[in-house]
C-alpha cells in the first residue's frame, strides 16, 4: 500500500494532495481540504474555467490542507501542496515566511512537517518517521 502512495503521488498536484490526505487520515490525523469546495468560474477575458478565489471562493494564499490531531489541542498545520517545480504564489510566500504554512511537494515532505509538530510536543511519532524514512529509499 505504501508503494501506491509513493508512485501515485508523483503525477499531479491533485494526486499528490489526495495521497497526502489518505496517508495522514490513515495515521489518524484530522484533515480538512480547503480548496476542494471551490467552484469553477469563467475567466472574463478568455472564458477558461478556473477555481474561484477571493470573494468568489478561498482567500488567495490559503493552504490546500489543514491538519490537526487530538493531542495538538487547538493547533492546526497548514499544508500547501505543490507539484515538483510548481510555482509558489506571492501570498503563499508571505504565509510561509510567517511560519503559517508549509509548502509540501510530496508525501515525504508532508510527513516531515507532521514530524516537526509531533517532536515539538514531545510525542512518539515513530510510525510516521518509519514511513517517511521508507520514502527516502
C-alpha atoms as a PDB file:
ATOM      1  CA  UNK A   1       0.000   0.000   0.000  1.00  0.00           C
ATOM      2  CA  UNK A   2       2.879   2.405   0.759  1.00  0.00           C
ATOM      3  CA  UNK A   3       4.198   1.943  -2.770  1.00  0.00           C
ATOM      4  CA  UNK A   4       0.784   3.037  -4.140  1.00  0.00           C
ATOM      5  CA  UNK A   5       1.018   6.340  -2.301  1.00  0.00           C
ATOM      6  CA  UNK A   6       4.613   6.981  -3.350  1.00  0.00           C
ATOM      7  CA  UNK A   7       4.034   6.167  -7.031  1.00  0.00           C
ATOM      8  CA  UNK A   8       0.604   7.722  -7.444  1.00  0.00           C
ATOM      9  CA  UNK A   9       1.589  10.858  -5.527  1.00  0.00           C
ATOM     10  CA  UNK A  10       4.080  11.963  -8.184  1.00  0.00           C
ATOM     11  CA  UNK A  11       1.655  12.550 -11.067  1.00  0.00           C
ATOM     12  CA  UNK A  12      -0.229  15.802 -10.490  1.00  0.00           C
ATOM     13  CA  UNK A  13      -0.768  18.276  -7.679  1.00  0.00           C
ATOM     14  CA  UNK A  14      -4.237  16.807  -7.177  1.00  0.00           C
ATOM     15  CA  UNK A  15      -2.929  13.238  -6.926  1.00  0.00           C
ATOM     16  CA  UNK A  16      -0.163  14.326  -4.538  1.00  0.00           C
ATOM     17  CA  UNK A  17      -2.761  16.047  -2.371  1.00  0.00           C
ATOM     18  CA  UNK A  18      -5.078  13.025  -2.363  1.00  0.00           C
ATOM     19  CA  UNK A  19      -2.197  10.721  -1.414  1.00  0.00           C
ATOM     20  CA  UNK A  20      -1.185  13.043   1.427  1.00  0.00           C
ATOM     21  CA  UNK A  21      -4.769  13.221   2.698  1.00  0.00           C
ATOM     22  CA  UNK A  22      -5.124   9.434   2.535  1.00  0.00           C
ATOM     23  CA  UNK A  23      -1.933   8.676   4.432  1.00  0.00           C
ATOM     24  CA  UNK A  24      -2.497  11.340   7.105  1.00  0.00           C
ATOM     25  CA  UNK A  25      -6.025  10.043   7.720  1.00  0.00           C
ATOM     26  CA  UNK A  26      -4.618   6.512   7.859  1.00  0.00           C
ATOM     27  CA  UNK A  27      -2.368   7.708  10.708  1.00  0.00           C
ATOM     28  CA  UNK A  28      -5.417   9.160  12.490  1.00  0.00           C
ATOM     29  CA  UNK A  29      -4.922  12.864  11.805  1.00  0.00           C
ATOM     30  CA  UNK A  30      -7.906  15.122  11.187  1.00  0.00           C
ATOM     31  CA  UNK A  31      -7.575  16.547   7.676  1.00  0.00           C
ATOM     32  CA  UNK A  32      -9.626  19.290   6.049  1.00  0.00           C
ATOM     33  CA  UNK A  33      -9.157  20.055   2.371  1.00  0.00           C
ATOM     34  CA  UNK A  34      -9.645  23.781   1.840  1.00  0.00           C
ATOM     35  CA  UNK A  35      -9.622  24.065  -1.946  1.00  0.00           C
ATOM     36  CA  UNK A  36     -11.889  21.134  -2.773  1.00  0.00           C
ATOM     37  CA  UNK A  37     -15.104  23.130  -2.320  1.00  0.00           C
ATOM     38  CA  UNK A  38     -14.198  25.965  -4.656  1.00  0.00           C
ATOM     39  CA  UNK A  39     -16.446  26.336  -7.630  1.00  0.00           C
ATOM     40  CA  UNK A  40     -15.130  26.868 -11.133  1.00  0.00           C
ATOM     41  CA  UNK A  41     -15.694  30.296 -12.692  1.00  0.00           C
ATOM     42  CA  UNK A  42     -15.043  31.507 -16.247  1.00  0.00           C
ATOM     43  CA  UNK A  43     -12.257  33.985 -16.964  1.00  0.00           C
ATOM     44  CA  UNK A  44     -13.736  37.262 -18.243  1.00  0.00           C
ATOM     45  CA  UNK A  45     -11.020  37.544 -20.912  1.00  0.00           C
ATOM     46  CA  UNK A  46     -10.563  34.038 -22.296  1.00  0.00           C
ATOM     47  CA  UNK A  47     -13.514  32.053 -20.941  1.00  0.00           C
ATOM     48  CA  UNK A  48     -11.351  29.304 -19.399  1.00  0.00           C
ATOM     49  CA  UNK A  49     -12.779  27.901 -16.164  1.00  0.00           C
ATOM     50  CA  UNK A  50     -10.543  28.094 -13.082  1.00  0.00           C
ATOM     51  CA  UNK A  51     -11.180  27.690  -9.336  1.00  0.00           C
ATOM     52  CA  UNK A  52     -12.769  30.729  -7.712  1.00  0.00           C
ATOM     53  CA  UNK A  53     -10.561  32.877  -5.450  1.00  0.00           C
ATOM     54  CA  UNK A  54     -11.052  35.889  -3.213  1.00  0.00           C
ATOM     55  CA  UNK A  55     -14.685  36.915  -2.782  1.00  0.00           C
ATOM     56  CA  UNK A  56     -15.768  34.063  -5.068  1.00  0.00           C
ATOM     57  CA  UNK A  57     -14.010  31.290  -3.160  1.00  0.00           C
ATOM     58  CA  UNK A  58     -10.956  30.850  -0.958  1.00  0.00           C
ATOM     59  CA  UNK A  59      -8.662  33.583   0.233  1.00  0.00           C
ATOM     60  CA  UNK A  60      -5.606  33.773  -2.041  1.00  0.00           C
ATOM     61  CA  UNK A  61      -2.698  32.017  -0.346  1.00  0.00           C
ATOM     62  CA  UNK A  62      -4.892  29.772   1.824  1.00  0.00           C
ATOM     63  CA  UNK A  63      -3.309  26.314   2.187  1.00  0.00           C
ATOM     64  CA  UNK A  64      -4.761  23.290   0.419  1.00  0.00           C
ATOM     65  CA  UNK A  65      -4.872  21.140   3.554  1.00  0.00           C
ATOM     66  CA  UNK A  66      -5.309  21.819   7.263  1.00  0.00           C
ATOM     67  CA  UNK A  67      -4.140  19.068   9.631  1.00  0.00           C
ATOM     68  CA  UNK A  68      -4.561  18.556  13.361  1.00  0.00           C
ATOM     69  CA  UNK A  69      -4.521  15.778  15.948  1.00  0.00           C
ATOM     70  CA  UNK A  70      -6.357  15.338  19.237  1.00  0.00           C
ATOM     71  CA  UNK A  71      -3.037  15.684  21.045  1.00  0.00           C
ATOM     72  CA  UNK A  72      -2.280  19.041  19.394  1.00  0.00           C
ATOM     73  CA  UNK A  73      -5.015  20.966  21.195  1.00  0.00           C
ATOM     74  CA  UNK A  74      -6.077  23.958  19.090  1.00  0.00           C
ATOM     75  CA  UNK A  75      -3.054  23.854  16.752  1.00  0.00           C
ATOM     76  CA  UNK A  76      -3.649  23.332  13.025  1.00  0.00           C
ATOM     77  CA  UNK A  77      -0.893  22.839  10.452  1.00  0.00           C
ATOM     78  CA  UNK A  78      -1.452  24.391   7.009  1.00  0.00           C
ATOM     79  CA  UNK A  79      -0.003  22.402   4.106  1.00  0.00           C
ATOM     80  CA  UNK A  80       0.197  23.977   0.661  1.00  0.00           C
ATOM     81  CA  UNK A  81       0.617  21.219  -1.907  1.00  0.00           C
ATOM     82  CA  UNK A  82       2.744  21.928  -4.963  1.00  0.00           C
ATOM     83  CA  UNK A  83       3.876  19.537  -7.638  1.00  0.00           C
ATOM     84  CA  UNK A  84       7.641  19.308  -8.061  1.00  0.00           C
ATOM     85  CA  UNK A  85       8.682  22.526  -9.795  1.00  0.00           C
ATOM     86  CA  UNK A  86       5.291  24.171  -9.186  1.00  0.00           C
ATOM     87  CA  UNK A  87       5.369  27.924  -8.557  1.00  0.00           C
ATOM     88  CA  UNK A  88       4.632  29.422  -5.158  1.00  0.00           C
ATOM     89  CA  UNK A  89       2.245  32.398  -5.237  1.00  0.00           C
ATOM     90  CA  UNK A  90       3.349  35.662  -3.560  1.00  0.00           C
ATOM     91  CA  UNK A  91       0.625  35.299  -0.903  1.00  0.00           C
ATOM     92  CA  UNK A  92       1.895  31.823  -0.103  1.00  0.00           C
ATOM     93  CA  UNK A  93       5.470  33.091   0.192  1.00  0.00           C
ATOM     94  CA  UNK A  94       4.317  35.604   2.808  1.00  0.00           C
ATOM     95  CA  UNK A  95       2.453  32.943   4.808  1.00  0.00           C
ATOM     96  CA  UNK A  96       5.417  30.588   4.524  1.00  0.00           C
ATOM     97  CA  UNK A  97       7.823  33.289   5.783  1.00  0.00           C
ATOM     98  CA  UNK A  98       5.483  33.927   8.745  1.00  0.00           C
ATOM     99  CA  UNK A  99       5.507  30.231   9.595  1.00  0.00           C
ATOM    100  CA  UNK A 100       1.773  29.948   8.934  1.00  0.00           C
ATOM    101  CA  UNK A 101       2.007  27.298   6.206  1.00  0.00           C
ATOM    102  CA  UNK A 102       4.435  24.670   4.971  1.00  0.00           C
ATOM    103  CA  UNK A 103       4.971  24.050   1.258  1.00  0.00           C
ATOM    104  CA  UNK A 104       4.996  20.315   0.516  1.00  0.00           C
ATOM    105  CA  UNK A 105       5.789  18.683  -2.806  1.00  0.00           C
ATOM    106  CA  UNK A 106       5.474  15.042  -1.776  1.00  0.00           C
ATOM    107  CA  UNK A 107       4.146  12.667   0.833  1.00  0.00           C
ATOM    108  CA  UNK A 108       7.609  12.659   2.377  1.00  0.00           C
ATOM    109  CA  UNK A 109       7.539  16.463   2.758  1.00  0.00           C
ATOM    110  CA  UNK A 110       4.146  16.320   4.454  1.00  0.00           C
ATOM    111  CA  UNK A 111       5.293  13.606   6.864  1.00  0.00           C
ATOM    112  CA  UNK A 112       8.394  15.671   7.699  1.00  0.00           C
ATOM    113  CA  UNK A 113       6.132  18.634   8.554  1.00  0.00           C
ATOM    114  CA  UNK A 114       3.958  16.393  10.751  1.00  0.00           C
ATOM    115  CA  UNK A 115       7.060  15.010  12.481  1.00  0.00           C
ATOM    116  CA  UNK A 116       8.243  18.537  13.218  1.00  0.00           C
ATOM    117  CA  UNK A 117       4.988  19.300  15.043  1.00  0.00           C
ATOM    118  CA  UNK A 118       4.940  15.958  16.867  1.00  0.00           C
ATOM    119  CA  UNK A 119       8.528  16.469  18.040  1.00  0.00           C
ATOM    120  CA  UNK A 120       7.671  19.950  19.346  1.00  0.00           C
ATOM    121  CA  UNK A 121       5.010  18.320  21.512  1.00  0.00           C
ATOM    122  CA  UNK A 122       7.419  15.555  22.550  1.00  0.00           C
ATOM    123  CA  UNK A 123       5.133  12.888  21.065  1.00  0.00           C
ATOM    124  CA  UNK A 124       6.222   9.485  19.818  1.00  0.00           C
ATOM    125  CA  UNK A 125       5.709   9.523  16.073  1.00  0.00           C
ATOM    126  CA  UNK A 126       7.874   6.542  15.226  1.00  0.00           C
ATOM    127  CA  UNK A 127       5.304   5.106  12.792  1.00  0.00           C
ATOM    128  CA  UNK A 128       5.248   8.365  10.811  1.00  0.00           C
ATOM    129  CA  UNK A 129       9.054   8.534  10.938  1.00  0.00           C
ATOM    130  CA  UNK A 130       9.348   4.955   9.639  1.00  0.00           C
ATOM    131  CA  UNK A 131       7.116   5.656   6.648  1.00  0.00           C
ATOM    132  CA  UNK A 132       8.949   8.916   5.894  1.00  0.00           C
ATOM    133  CA  UNK A 133      12.264   7.074   6.034  1.00  0.00           C
ATOM    134  CA  UNK A 134      10.965   4.340   3.695  1.00  0.00           C
ATOM    135  CA  UNK A 135      10.010   7.022   1.181  1.00  0.00           C
ATOM    136  CA  UNK A 136      13.590   8.315   1.157  1.00  0.00           C
ATOM    137  CA  UNK A 137      14.856   4.998  -0.205  1.00  0.00           C
END
